Amino acid sequence: MDQTAVDAFGNYLRSQRKLAQLTLRELSDLAEVSNPYLSQLERGLHQPSVRVIKSLAKALNLSAETLLAQAAGIDAANGDSTEGVSDTQSTIRSDANLTDEQKAALLEVYRSMTGGHQGS
């Protein structure tokens, strides 16, 4: 895997953690991944295993497929994401035109209207 994809995954992971309003330590506890390793993933220093990706996806309330696609450098915005999170939430999370703050606001409004919530 090229370094660009590893860096992009790290940025995506950090963005999703912030959208979930979790600290690095909180996400590491939820995903059962060490805090230093999670930090290294976010900084693009390591490529995560499938087990780690699945654990992070569960902790972030994302589909494992979405996170795997991000880790592989594949644009999952147009793919199926039927497990774990709605298509609407996946679309909001992957929209490059929105800032993290805008994504968080839209996700909060969406969840309040649908009764859905992010596990934390």
PDB file of N, CA and C in Angstrom:
ATOM      1  N   MET A   1       0.859  -1.179   0.000  1.00  0.00           N
ATOM      2  CA  MET A   1       0.000   0.000   0.000  1.00  0.00           C
ATOM      3  C   MET A   1       0.895   1.228   0.000  1.00  0.00           C
ATOM      4  N   ASP A   2       0.531   2.215  -0.826  1.00  0.00           N
ATOM      5  CA  ASP A   2       1.349   3.412  -0.870  1.00  0.00           C
ATOM      6  C   ASP A   2       1.078   4.311   0.325  1.00  0.00           C
ATOM      7  N   GLN A   3       2.056   5.155   0.622  1.00  0.00           N
ATOM      8  CA  GLN A   3       1.974   5.996   1.822  1.00  0.00           C
ATOM      9  C   GLN A   3       0.803   6.966   1.751  1.00  0.00           C
ATOM     10  N   THR A   4       0.442   7.409   0.555  1.00  0.00           N
ATOM     11  CA  THR A   4      -0.675   8.335   0.407  1.00  0.00           C
ATOM     12  C   THR A   4      -1.966   7.725   0.938  1.00  0.00           C
ATOM     13  N   ALA A   5      -2.216   6.458   0.621  1.00  0.00           N
ATOM     14  CA  ALA A   5      -3.425   5.781   1.096  1.00  0.00           C
ATOM     15  C   ALA A   5      -3.389   5.610   2.610  1.00  0.00           C
ATOM     16  N   VAL A   6      -2.222   5.321   3.174  1.00  0.00           N
ATOM     17  CA  VAL A   6      -2.097   5.159   4.624  1.00  0.00           C
ATOM     18  C   VAL A   6      -2.355   6.496   5.315  1.00  0.00           C
ATOM     19  N   ASP A   7      -1.804   7.575   4.756  1.00  0.00           N
ATOM     20  CA  ASP A   7      -2.044   8.917   5.301  1.00  0.00           C
ATOM     21  C   ASP A   7      -3.523   9.289   5.208  1.00  0.00           C
ATOM     22  N   ALA A   8      -4.135   8.999   4.057  1.00  0.00           N
ATOM     23  CA  ALA A   8      -5.544   9.331   3.860  1.00  0.00           C
ATOM     24  C   ALA A   8      -6.416   8.566   4.854  1.00  0.00           C
ATOM     25  N   PHE A   9      -6.080   7.298   5.102  1.00  0.00           N
ATOM     26  CA  PHE A   9      -6.843   6.526   6.077  1.00  0.00           C
ATOM     27  C   PHE A   9      -6.696   7.137   7.467  1.00  0.00           C
ATOM     28  N   GLY A  10      -5.489   7.529   7.828  1.00  0.00           N
ATOM     29  CA  GLY A  10      -5.252   8.157   9.129  1.00  0.00           C
ATOM     30  C   GLY A  10      -6.075   9.416   9.301  1.00  0.00           C
ATOM     31  N   ASN A  11      -6.117  10.244   8.262  1.00  0.00           N
ATOM     32  CA  ASN A  11      -6.921  11.474   8.304  1.00  0.00           C
ATOM     33  C   ASN A  11      -8.402  11.149   8.433  1.00  0.00           C
ATOM     34  N   TYR A  12      -8.857  10.143   7.680  1.00  0.00           N
ATOM     35  CA  TYR A  12     -10.263   9.728   7.733  1.00  0.00           C
ATOM     36  C   TYR A  12     -10.612   9.214   9.129  1.00  0.00           C
ATOM     37  N   LEU A  13      -9.733   8.393   9.691  1.00  0.00           N
ATOM     38  CA  LEU A  13      -9.968   7.837  11.018  1.00  0.00           C
ATOM     39  C   LEU A  13     -10.059   8.953  12.059  1.00  0.00           C
ATOM     40  N   ARG A  14      -9.152   9.909  12.002  1.00  0.00           N
ATOM     41  CA  ARG A  14      -9.170  11.036  12.940  1.00  0.00           C
ATOM     42  C   ARG A  14     -10.472  11.822  12.791  1.00  0.00           C
ATOM     43  N   SER A  15     -10.872  12.066  11.550  1.00  0.00           N
ATOM     44  CA  SER A  15     -12.108  12.804  11.290  1.00  0.00           C
ATOM     45  C   SER A  15     -13.314  12.072  11.866  1.00  0.00           C
ATOM     46  N   GLN A  16     -13.384  10.761  11.674  1.00  0.00           N
ATOM     47  CA  GLN A  16     -14.512   9.979  12.185  1.00  0.00           C
ATOM     48  C   GLN A  16     -14.515   9.948  13.709  1.00  0.00           C
ATOM     49  N   ARG A  17     -13.327   9.888  14.313  1.00  0.00           N
ATOM     50  CA  ARG A  17     -13.239   9.911  15.777  1.00  0.00           C
ATOM     51  C   ARG A  17     -13.759  11.242  16.321  1.00  0.00           C
ATOM     52  N   LYS A  18     -13.372  12.325  15.662  1.00  0.00           N
ATOM     53  CA  LYS A  18     -13.825  13.639  16.107  1.00  0.00           C
ATOM     54  C   LYS A  18     -15.325  13.809  15.890  1.00  0.00           C
ATOM     55  N   LEU A  19     -15.846  13.290  14.770  1.00  0.00           N
ATOM     56  CA  LEU A  19     -17.283  13.341  14.530  1.00  0.00           C
ATOM     57  C   LEU A  19     -18.054  12.578  15.610  1.00  0.00           C
ATOM     58  N   ALA A  20     -17.465  11.502  16.077  1.00  0.00           N
ATOM     59  CA  ALA A  20     -18.099  10.707  17.130  1.00  0.00           C
ATOM     60  C   ALA A  20     -17.886  11.345  18.502  1.00  0.00           C
ATOM     61  N   GLN A  21     -17.159  12.447  18.537  1.00  0.00           N
ATOM     62  CA  GLN A  21     -16.870  13.174  19.771  1.00  0.00           C
ATOM     63  C   GLN A  21     -16.180  12.283  20.792  1.00  0.00           C
ATOM     64  N   LEU A  22     -15.180  11.547  20.303  1.00  0.00           N
ATOM     65  CA  LEU A  22     -14.404  10.662  21.157  1.00  0.00           C
ATOM     66  C   LEU A  22     -12.955  11.147  21.227  1.00  0.00           C
ATOM     67  N   THR A  23     -12.360  11.011  22.381  1.00  0.00           N
ATOM     68  CA  THR A  23     -10.930  11.262  22.489  1.00  0.00           C
ATOM     69  C   THR A  23     -10.196  10.036  21.953  1.00  0.00           C
ATOM     70  N   LEU A  24      -8.915  10.205  21.724  1.00  0.00           N
ATOM     71  CA  LEU A  24      -8.096   9.085  21.280  1.00  0.00           C
ATOM     72  C   LEU A  24      -8.173   7.947  22.294  1.00  0.00           C
ATOM     73  N   ARG A  25      -8.086   8.287  23.553  1.00  0.00           N
ATOM     74  CA  ARG A  25      -8.140   7.275  24.620  1.00  0.00           C
ATOM     75  C   ARG A  25      -9.498   6.571  24.650  1.00  0.00           C
ATOM     76  N   GLU A  26     -10.589   7.324  24.498  1.00  0.00           N
ATOM     77  CA  GLU A  26     -11.923   6.711  24.506  1.00  0.00           C
ATOM     78  C   GLU A  26     -12.088   5.735  23.349  1.00  0.00           C
ATOM     79  N   LEU A  27     -11.636   6.139  22.157  1.00  0.00           N
ATOM     80  CA  LEU A  27     -11.747   5.237  21.009  1.00  0.00           C
ATOM     81  C   LEU A  27     -10.854   4.018  21.191  1.00  0.00           C
ATOM     82  N   SER A  28      -9.677   4.210  21.731  1.00  0.00           N
ATOM     83  CA  SER A  28      -8.796   3.058  21.939  1.00  0.00           C
ATOM     84  C   SER A  28      -9.431   2.061  22.914  1.00  0.00           C
ATOM     85  N   ASP A  29     -10.105   2.573  23.938  1.00  0.00           N
ATOM     86  CA  ASP A  29     -10.801   1.689  24.885  1.00  0.00           C
ATOM     87  C   ASP A  29     -11.964   0.964  24.218  1.00  0.00           C
ATOM     88  N   LEU A  30     -12.770   1.700  23.461  1.00  0.00           N
ATOM     89  CA  LEU A  30     -13.926   1.092  22.793  1.00  0.00           C
ATOM     90  C   LEU A  30     -13.505   0.043  21.759  1.00  0.00           C
ATOM     91  N   ALA A  31     -12.434   0.335  21.036  1.00  0.00           N
ATOM     92  CA  ALA A  31     -11.984  -0.561  19.969  1.00  0.00           C
ATOM     93  C   ALA A  31     -11.017  -1.629  20.466  1.00  0.00           C
ATOM     94  N   GLU A  32     -10.621  -1.514  21.736  1.00  0.00           N
ATOM     95  CA  GLU A  32      -9.658  -2.454  22.321  1.00  0.00           C
ATOM     96  C   GLU A  32      -8.362  -2.482  21.530  1.00  0.00           C
ATOM     97  N   VAL A  33      -7.875  -1.267  21.223  1.00  0.00           N
ATOM     98  CA  VAL A  33      -6.613  -1.052  20.515  1.00  0.00           C
ATOM     99  C   VAL A  33      -5.791  -0.121  21.395  1.00  0.00           C
ATOM    100  N   SER A  34      -4.500  -0.332  21.470  1.00  0.00           N
ATOM    101  CA  SER A  34      -3.704   0.522  22.351  1.00  0.00           C
ATOM    102  C   SER A  34      -3.727   1.975  21.885  1.00  0.00           C
ATOM    103  N   ASN A  35      -3.688   2.871  22.835  1.00  0.00           N
ATOM    104  CA  ASN A  35      -3.701   4.299  22.563  1.00  0.00           C
ATOM    105  C   ASN A  35      -2.528   4.709  21.655  1.00  0.00           C
ATOM    106  N   PRO A  36      -1.284   4.267  21.942  1.00  0.00           N
ATOM    107  CA  PRO A  36      -0.171   4.656  21.062  1.00  0.00           C
ATOM    108  C   PRO A  36      -0.347   4.136  19.634  1.00  0.00           C
ATOM    109  N   TYR A  37      -0.855   2.910  19.478  1.00  0.00           N
ATOM    110  CA  TYR A  37      -1.054   2.347  18.141  1.00  0.00           C
ATOM    111  C   TYR A  37      -2.122   3.136  17.385  1.00  0.00           C
ATOM    112  N   LEU A  38      -3.204   3.485  18.061  1.00  0.00           N
ATOM    113  CA  LEU A  38      -4.260   4.267  17.434  1.00  0.00           C
ATOM    114  C   LEU A  38      -3.714   5.625  16.989  1.00  0.00           C
ATOM    115  N   SER A  39      -2.907   6.230  17.811  1.00  0.00           N
ATOM    116  CA  SER A  39      -2.276   7.503  17.452  1.00  0.00           C
ATOM    117  C   SER A  39      -1.415   7.341  16.203  1.00  0.00           C
ATOM    118  N   GLN A  40      -0.678   6.255  16.133  1.00  0.00           N
ATOM    119  CA  GLN A  40       0.163   5.999  14.962  1.00  0.00           C
ATOM    120  C   GLN A  40      -0.681   5.765  13.710  1.00  0.00           C
ATOM    121  N   LEU A  41      -1.826   5.106  13.861  1.00  0.00           N
ATOM    122  CA  LEU A  41      -2.724   4.914  12.722  1.00  0.00           C
ATOM    123  C   LEU A  41      -3.208   6.262  12.206  1.00  0.00           C
ATOM    124  N   GLU A  42      -3.616   7.131  13.119  1.00  0.00           N
ATOM    125  CA  GLU A  42      -4.124   8.440  12.725  1.00  0.00           C
ATOM    126  C   GLU A  42      -3.048   9.290  12.054  1.00  0.00           C
ATOM    127  N   ARG A  43      -1.801   9.075  12.412  1.00  0.00           N
ATOM    128  CA  ARG A  43      -0.707   9.838  11.812  1.00  0.00           C
ATOM    129  C   ARG A  43      -0.172   9.187  10.548  1.00  0.00           C
ATOM    130  N   GLY A  44      -0.779   8.076  10.128  1.00  0.00           N
ATOM    131  CA  GLY A  44      -0.374   7.423   8.888  1.00  0.00           C
ATOM    132  C   GLY A  44       0.933   6.660   8.988  1.00  0.00           C
ATOM    133  N   LEU A  45       1.260   6.193  10.180  1.00  0.00           N
ATOM    134  CA  LEU A  45       2.518   5.479  10.374  1.00  0.00           C
ATOM    135  C   LEU A  45       2.382   3.964  10.227  1.00  0.00           C
ATOM    136  N   HIS A  46       1.157   3.465  10.284  1.00  0.00           N
ATOM    137  CA  HIS A  46       0.918   2.026  10.174  1.00  0.00           C
ATOM    138  C   HIS A  46      -0.320   1.756   9.341  1.00  0.00           C
ATOM    139  N   GLN A  47      -0.320   0.581   8.713  1.00  0.00           N
ATOM    140  CA  GLN A  47      -1.503   0.083   8.012  1.00  0.00           C
ATOM    141  C   GLN A  47      -2.184  -0.912   8.952  1.00  0.00           C
ATOM    142  N   PRO A  48      -3.451  -0.683   9.299  1.00  0.00           N
ATOM    143  CA  PRO A  48      -4.116  -1.559  10.270  1.00  0.00           C
ATOM    144  C   PRO A  48      -4.490  -2.911   9.669  1.00  0.00           C
ATOM    145  N   SER A  49      -4.586  -3.894  10.547  1.00  0.00           N
ATOM    146  CA  SER A  49      -5.050  -5.219  10.131  1.00  0.00           C
ATOM    147  C   SER A  49      -6.565  -5.186   9.964  1.00  0.00           C
ATOM    148  N   VAL A  50      -7.105  -6.207   9.351  1.00  0.00           N
ATOM    149  CA  VAL A  50      -8.552  -6.318   9.180  1.00  0.00           C
ATOM    150  C   VAL A  50      -9.236  -6.386  10.540  1.00  0.00           C
ATOM    151  N   ARG A  51      -8.637  -7.092  11.494  1.00  0.00           N
ATOM    152  CA  ARG A  51      -9.208  -7.183  12.836  1.00  0.00           C
ATOM    153  C   ARG A  51      -9.323  -5.804  13.476  1.00  0.00           C
ATOM    154  N   VAL A  52      -8.282  -5.012  13.354  1.00  0.00           N
ATOM    155  CA  VAL A  52      -8.291  -3.665  13.937  1.00  0.00           C
ATOM    156  C   VAL A  52      -9.323  -2.799  13.230  1.00  0.00           C
ATOM    157  N   ILE A  53      -9.403  -2.902  11.916  1.00  0.00           N
ATOM    158  CA  ILE A  53     -10.377  -2.115  11.154  1.00  0.00           C
ATOM    159  C   ILE A  53     -11.799  -2.476  11.589  1.00  0.00           C
ATOM    160  N   LYS A  54     -12.076  -3.764  11.740  1.00  0.00           N
ATOM    161  CA  LYS A  54     -13.412  -4.188  12.172  1.00  0.00           C
ATOM    162  C   LYS A  54     -13.724  -3.668  13.573  1.00  0.00           C
ATOM    163  N   SER A  55     -12.747  -3.700  14.451  1.00  0.00           N
ATOM    164  CA  SER A  55     -12.940  -3.217  15.812  1.00  0.00           C
ATOM    165  C   SER A  55     -13.173  -1.705  15.834  1.00  0.00           C
ATOM    166  N   LEU A  56     -12.416  -0.966  15.027  1.00  0.00           N
ATOM    167  CA  LEU A  56     -12.598   0.484  14.935  1.00  0.00           C
ATOM    168  C   LEU A  56     -13.959   0.822  14.338  1.00  0.00           C
ATOM    169  N   ALA A  57     -14.363   0.078  13.314  1.00  0.00           N
ATOM    170  CA  ALA A  57     -15.662   0.326  12.675  1.00  0.00           C
ATOM    171  C   ALA A  57     -16.790   0.140  13.680  1.00  0.00           C
ATOM    172  N   LYS A  58     -16.713  -0.917  14.465  1.00  0.00           N
ATOM    173  CA  LYS A  58     -17.748  -1.167  15.475  1.00  0.00           C
ATOM    174  C   LYS A  58     -17.777  -0.037  16.502  1.00  0.00           C
ATOM    175  N   ALA A  59     -16.610   0.389  16.962  1.00  0.00           N
ATOM    176  CA  ALA A  59     -16.527   1.448  17.972  1.00  0.00           C
ATOM    177  C   ALA A  59     -17.026   2.782  17.438  1.00  0.00           C
ATOM    178  N   LEU A  60     -16.840   3.024  16.135  1.00  0.00           N
ATOM    179  CA  LEU A  60     -17.259   4.295  15.523  1.00  0.00           C
ATOM    180  C   LEU A  60     -18.656   4.227  14.912  1.00  0.00           C
ATOM    181  N   ASN A  61     -19.309   3.069  15.038  1.00  0.00           N
ATOM    182  CA  ASN A  61     -20.632   2.881  14.462  1.00  0.00           C
ATOM    183  C   ASN A  61     -20.621   3.086  12.946  1.00  0.00           C
ATOM    184  N   LEU A  62     -19.581   2.545  12.307  1.00  0.00           N
ATOM    185  CA  LEU A  62     -19.459   2.564  10.849  1.00  0.00           C
ATOM    186  C   LEU A  62     -19.531   1.135  10.344  1.00  0.00           C
ATOM    187  N   SER A  63     -19.836   0.977   9.080  1.00  0.00           N
ATOM    188  CA  SER A  63     -19.786  -0.373   8.532  1.00  0.00           C
ATOM    189  C   SER A  63     -18.316  -0.743   8.342  1.00  0.00           C
ATOM    190  N   ALA A  64     -18.005  -2.001   8.590  1.00  0.00           N
ATOM    191  CA  ALA A  64     -16.633  -2.475   8.390  1.00  0.00           C
ATOM    192  C   ALA A  64     -16.224  -2.293   6.935  1.00  0.00           C
ATOM    193  N   GLU A  65     -17.171  -2.461   6.022  1.00  0.00           N
ATOM    194  CA  GLU A  65     -16.874  -2.301   4.597  1.00  0.00           C
ATOM    195  C   GLU A  65     -16.418  -0.882   4.272  1.00  0.00           C
ATOM    196  N   THR A  66     -17.071   0.106   4.881  1.00  0.00           N
ATOM    197  CA  THR A  66     -16.703   1.500   4.655  1.00  0.00           C
ATOM    198  C   THR A  66     -15.282   1.755   5.136  1.00  0.00           C
ATOM    199  N   LEU A  67     -14.963   1.291   6.324  1.00  0.00           N
ATOM    200  CA  LEU A  67     -13.631   1.517   6.873  1.00  0.00           C
ATOM    201  C   LEU A  67     -12.575   0.716   6.113  1.00  0.00           C
ATOM    202  N   LEU A  68     -12.906  -0.507   5.709  1.00  0.00           N
ATOM    203  CA  LEU A  68     -11.970  -1.303   4.900  1.00  0.00           C
ATOM    204  C   LEU A  68     -11.684  -0.621   3.567  1.00  0.00           C
ATOM    205  N   ALA A  69     -12.729  -0.081   2.952  1.00  0.00           N
ATOM    206  CA  ALA A  69     -12.541   0.622   1.676  1.00  0.00           C
ATOM    207  C   ALA A  69     -11.630   1.831   1.865  1.00  0.00           C
ATOM    208  N   GLN A  70     -11.820   2.563   2.953  1.00  0.00           N
ATOM    209  CA  GLN A  70     -10.954   3.707   3.235  1.00  0.00           C
ATOM    210  C   GLN A  70      -9.516   3.252   3.442  1.00  0.00           C
ATOM    211  N   ALA A  71      -9.326   2.167   4.175  1.00  0.00           N
ATOM    212  CA  ALA A  71      -7.982   1.658   4.440  1.00  0.00           C
ATOM    213  C   ALA A  71      -7.299   1.194   3.162  1.00  0.00           C
ATOM    214  N   ALA A  72      -8.104   0.693   2.227  1.00  0.00           N
ATOM    215  CA  ALA A  72      -7.553   0.212   0.964  1.00  0.00           C
ATOM    216  C   ALA A  72      -7.400   1.327  -0.066  1.00  0.00           C
ATOM    217  N   GLY A  73      -7.849   2.517   0.283  1.00  0.00           N
ATOM    218  CA  GLY A  73      -7.747   3.633  -0.648  1.00  0.00           C
ATOM    219  C   GLY A  73      -8.810   3.620  -1.719  1.00  0.00           C
ATOM    220  N   ILE A  74      -9.934   2.959  -1.443  1.00  0.00           N
ATOM    221  CA  ILE A  74     -11.042   2.863  -2.389  1.00  0.00           C
ATOM    222  C   ILE A  74     -12.117   3.847  -1.976  1.00  0.00           C
ATOM    223  N   ASP A  75     -12.674   4.588  -2.914  1.00  0.00           N
ATOM    224  CA  ASP A  75     -13.752   5.527  -2.608  1.00  0.00           C
ATOM    225  C   ASP A  75     -15.026   4.743  -2.378  1.00  0.00           C
ATOM    226  N   ALA A  76     -15.457   4.691  -1.123  1.00  0.00           N
ATOM    227  CA  ALA A  76     -16.659   3.926  -0.772  1.00  0.00           C
ATOM    228  C   ALA A  76     -17.917   4.759  -0.800  1.00  0.00           C
ATOM    229  N   ALA A  77     -17.809   6.018  -1.179  1.00  0.00           N
ATOM    230  CA  ALA A  77     -18.977   6.899  -1.147  1.00  0.00           C
ATOM    231  C   ALA A  77     -20.086   6.413  -2.064  1.00  0.00           C
ATOM    232  N   ASN A  78     -19.714   5.724  -3.132  1.00  0.00           N
ATOM    233  CA  ASN A  78     -20.726   5.251  -4.074  1.00  0.00           C
ATOM    234  C   ASN A  78     -21.054   3.780  -3.888  1.00  0.00           C
ATOM    235  N   GLY A  79     -20.413   3.139  -2.912  1.00  0.00           N
ATOM    236  CA  GLY A  79     -20.645   1.719  -2.707  1.00  0.00           C
ATOM    237  C   GLY A  79     -21.783   1.470  -1.748  1.00  0.00           C
ATOM    238  N   ASP A  80     -22.119   0.198  -1.570  1.00  0.00           N
ATOM    239  CA  ASP A  80     -23.146  -0.178  -0.609  1.00  0.00           C
ATOM    240  C   ASP A  80     -22.590  -0.098   0.796  1.00  0.00           C
ATOM    241  N   SER A  81     -23.360   0.434   1.677  1.00  0.00           N
ATOM    242  CA  SER A  81     -22.989   0.451   3.098  1.00  0.00           C
ATOM    243  C   SER A  81     -24.247   0.166   3.898  1.00  0.00           C
ATOM    244  N   THR A  82     -24.670  -1.074   3.840  1.00  0.00           N
ATOM    245  CA  THR A  82     -25.938  -1.439   4.450  1.00  0.00           C
ATOM    246  C   THR A  82     -25.789  -1.944   5.872  1.00  0.00           C
ATOM    247  N   GLU A  83     -24.565  -2.132   6.345  1.00  0.00           N
ATOM    248  CA  GLU A  83     -24.365  -2.695   7.670  1.00  0.00           C
ATOM    249  C   GLU A  83     -23.903  -1.626   8.642  1.00  0.00           C
ATOM    250  N   GLY A  84     -24.598  -1.482   9.783  1.00  0.00           N
ATOM    251  CA  GLY A  84     -24.092  -0.671  10.866  1.00  0.00           C
ATOM    252  C   GLY A  84     -24.483   0.790  10.854  1.00  0.00           C
ATOM    253  N   VAL A  85     -24.612   1.381   9.710  1.00  0.00           N
ATOM    254  CA  VAL A  85     -24.901   2.806   9.641  1.00  0.00           C
ATOM    255  C   VAL A  85     -25.715   3.063   8.378  1.00  0.00           C
ATOM    256  N   SER A  86     -26.606   4.035   8.430  1.00  0.00           N
ATOM    257  CA  SER A  86     -27.464   4.303   7.284  1.00  0.00           C
ATOM    258  C   SER A  86     -26.677   4.904   6.137  1.00  0.00           C
ATOM    259  N   ASP A  87     -27.228   4.789   4.928  1.00  0.00           N
ATOM    260  CA  ASP A  87     -26.617   5.399   3.757  1.00  0.00           C
ATOM    261  C   ASP A  87     -26.506   6.905   3.935  1.00  0.00           C
ATOM    262  N   THR A  88     -27.491   7.510   4.570  1.00  0.00           N
ATOM    263  CA  THR A  88     -27.466   8.959   4.792  1.00  0.00           C
ATOM    264  C   THR A  88     -26.283   9.343   5.658  1.00  0.00           C
ATOM    265  N   GLN A  89     -26.078   8.637   6.750  1.00  0.00           N
ATOM    266  CA  GLN A  89     -24.952   8.950   7.625  1.00  0.00           C
ATOM    267  C   GLN A  89     -23.618   8.703   6.914  1.00  0.00           C
ATOM    268  N   SER A  90     -23.523   7.640   6.146  1.00  0.00           N
ATOM    269  CA  SER A  90     -22.301   7.358   5.398  1.00  0.00           C
ATOM    270  C   SER A  90     -22.006   8.465   4.395  1.00  0.00           C
ATOM    271  N   THR A  91     -23.047   8.931   3.730  1.00  0.00           N
ATOM    272  CA  THR A  91     -22.885   9.996   2.746  1.00  0.00           C
ATOM    273  C   THR A  91     -22.413  11.285   3.413  1.00  0.00           C
ATOM    274  N   ILE A  92     -23.018  11.631   4.526  1.00  0.00           N
ATOM    275  CA  ILE A  92     -22.595  12.838   5.257  1.00  0.00           C
ATOM    276  C   ILE A  92     -21.141  12.700   5.679  1.00  0.00           C
ATOM    277  N   ARG A  93     -20.782  11.558   6.243  1.00  0.00           N
ATOM    278  CA  ARG A  93     -19.415  11.343   6.726  1.00  0.00           C
ATOM    279  C   ARG A  93     -18.380  11.422   5.610  1.00  0.00           C
ATOM    280  N   SER A  94     -18.738  11.009   4.407  1.00  0.00           N
ATOM    281  CA  SER A  94     -17.753  10.948   3.321  1.00  0.00           C
ATOM    282  C   SER A  94     -17.770  12.161   2.400  1.00  0.00           C
ATOM    283  N   ASP A  95     -18.632  13.138   2.654  1.00  0.00           N
ATOM    284  CA  ASP A  95     -18.726  14.305   1.785  1.00  0.00           C
ATOM    285  C   ASP A  95     -17.533  15.233   1.991  1.00  0.00           C
ATOM    286  N   ALA A  96     -16.670  15.315   1.003  1.00  0.00           N
ATOM    287  CA  ALA A  96     -15.457  16.130   1.085  1.00  0.00           C
ATOM    288  C   ALA A  96     -15.755  17.627   1.062  1.00  0.00           C
ATOM    289  N   ASN A  97     -16.973  18.014   0.692  1.00  0.00           N
ATOM    290  CA  ASN A  97     -17.331  19.429   0.629  1.00  0.00           C
ATOM    291  C   ASN A  97     -17.716  20.000   1.988  1.00  0.00           C
ATOM    292  N   LEU A  98     -17.880  19.135   2.984  1.00  0.00           N
ATOM    293  CA  LEU A  98     -18.291  19.568   4.315  1.00  0.00           C
ATOM    294  C   LEU A  98     -17.099  19.561   5.277  1.00  0.00           C
ATOM    295  N   THR A  99     -17.071  20.526   6.181  1.00  0.00           N
ATOM    296  CA  THR A  99     -16.063  20.511   7.238  1.00  0.00           C
ATOM    297  C   THR A  99     -16.485  19.502   8.298  1.00  0.00           C
ATOM    298  N   ASP A 100     -15.571  19.156   9.192  1.00  0.00           N
ATOM    299  CA  ASP A 100     -15.901  18.234  10.286  1.00  0.00           C
ATOM    300  C   ASP A 100     -17.038  18.787  11.135  1.00  0.00           C
ATOM    301  N   GLU A 101     -17.016  20.093  11.361  1.00  0.00           N
ATOM    302  CA  GLU A 101     -18.067  20.716  12.169  1.00  0.00           C
ATOM    303  C   GLU A 101     -19.423  20.620  11.469  1.00  0.00           C
ATOM    304  N   GLN A 102     -19.447  20.851  10.163  1.00  0.00           N
ATOM    305  CA  GLN A 102     -20.693  20.743   9.405  1.00  0.00           C
ATOM    306  C   GLN A 102     -21.204  19.307   9.401  1.00  0.00           C
ATOM    307  N   LYS A 103     -20.291  18.346   9.242  1.00  0.00           N
ATOM    308  CA  LYS A 103     -20.681  16.937   9.273  1.00  0.00           C
ATOM    309  C   LYS A 103     -21.297  16.584  10.625  1.00  0.00           C
ATOM    310  N   ALA A 104     -20.643  17.031  11.702  1.00  0.00           N
ATOM    311  CA  ALA A 104     -21.151  16.732  13.041  1.00  0.00           C
ATOM    312  C   ALA A 104     -22.542  17.325  13.249  1.00  0.00           C
ATOM    313  N   ALA A 105     -22.744  18.555  12.771  1.00  0.00           N
ATOM    314  CA  ALA A 105     -24.049  19.209  12.929  1.00  0.00           C
ATOM    315  C   ALA A 105     -25.120  18.466  12.141  1.00  0.00           C
ATOM    316  N   LEU A 106     -24.813  18.106  10.895  1.00  0.00           N
ATOM    317  CA  LEU A 106     -25.789  17.373  10.079  1.00  0.00           C
ATOM    318  C   LEU A 106     -26.109  16.009  10.673  1.00  0.00           C
ATOM    319  N   LEU A 107     -25.090  15.319  11.160  1.00  0.00           N
ATOM    320  CA  LEU A 107     -25.323  14.014  11.773  1.00  0.00           C
ATOM    321  C   LEU A 107     -26.194  14.131  13.014  1.00  0.00           C
ATOM    322  N   GLU A 108     -25.972  15.161  13.805  1.00  0.00           N
ATOM    323  CA  GLU A 108     -26.773  15.368  15.012  1.00  0.00           C
ATOM    324  C   GLU A 108     -28.235  15.642  14.656  1.00  0.00           C
ATOM    325  N   VAL A 109     -28.456  16.495  13.662  1.00  0.00           N
ATOM    326  CA  VAL A 109     -29.824  16.789  13.218  1.00  0.00           C
ATOM    327  C   VAL A 109     -30.480  15.521  12.678  1.00  0.00           C
ATOM    328  N   TYR A 110     -29.758  14.790  11.849  1.00  0.00           N
ATOM    329  CA  TYR A 110     -30.301  13.552  11.268  1.00  0.00           C
ATOM    330  C   TYR A 110     -30.691  12.566  12.377  1.00  0.00           C
ATOM    331  N   ARG A 111     -29.781  12.366  13.338  1.00  0.00           N
ATOM    332  CA  ARG A 111     -30.071  11.419  14.421  1.00  0.00           C
ATOM    333  C   ARG A 111     -31.264  11.880  15.264  1.00  0.00           C
ATOM    334  N   SER A 112     -31.379  13.187  15.490  1.00  0.00           N
ATOM    335  CA  SER A 112     -32.498  13.673  16.298  1.00  0.00           C
ATOM    336  C   SER A 112     -33.822  13.455  15.590  1.00  0.00           C
ATOM    337  N   MET A 113     -33.816  13.503  14.283  1.00  0.00           N
ATOM    338  CA  MET A 113     -35.054  13.332  13.519  1.00  0.00           C
ATOM    339  C   MET A 113     -35.411  11.865  13.293  1.00  0.00           C
ATOM    340  N   THR A 114     -34.416  10.989  13.307  1.00  0.00           N
ATOM    341  CA  THR A 114     -34.679   9.589  13.043  1.00  0.00           C
ATOM    342  C   THR A 114     -34.669   8.731  14.294  1.00  0.00           C
ATOM    343  N   GLY A 115     -34.290   9.341  15.417  1.00  0.00           N
ATOM    344  CA  GLY A 115     -34.208   8.573  16.654  1.00  0.00           C
ATOM    345  C   GLY A 115     -32.951   7.740  16.751  1.00  0.00           C
ATOM    346  N   GLY A 116     -32.060   7.846  15.753  1.00  0.00           N
ATOM    347  CA  GLY A 116     -30.799   7.116  15.776  1.00  0.00           C
ATOM    348  C   GLY A 116     -29.799   7.823  16.650  1.00  0.00           C
ATOM    349  N   HIS A 117     -28.831   7.089  17.142  1.00  0.00           N
ATOM    350  CA  HIS A 117     -27.786   7.699  17.949  1.00  0.00           C
ATOM    351  C   HIS A 117     -26.475   6.978  17.712  1.00  0.00           C
ATOM    352  N   GLN A 118     -25.409   7.692  17.954  1.00  0.00           N
ATOM    353  CA  GLN A 118     -24.067   7.142  17.822  1.00  0.00           C
ATOM    354  C   GLN A 118     -23.692   6.495  19.128  1.00  0.00           C
ATOM    355  N   GLY A 119     -23.245   5.246  19.069  1.00  0.00           N
ATOM    356  CA  GLY A 119     -22.786   4.608  20.297  1.00  0.00           C
ATOM    357  C   GLY A 119     -21.482   5.227  20.758  1.00  0.00           C
ATOM    358  N   SER A 120     -21.361   5.525  22.035  1.00  0.00           N
ATOM    359  CA  SER A 120     -20.095   6.065  22.553  1.00  0.00           C
ATOM    360  C   SER A 120     -19.805   5.599  23.933  1.00  0.00           C
TER     361      SER A 120
END
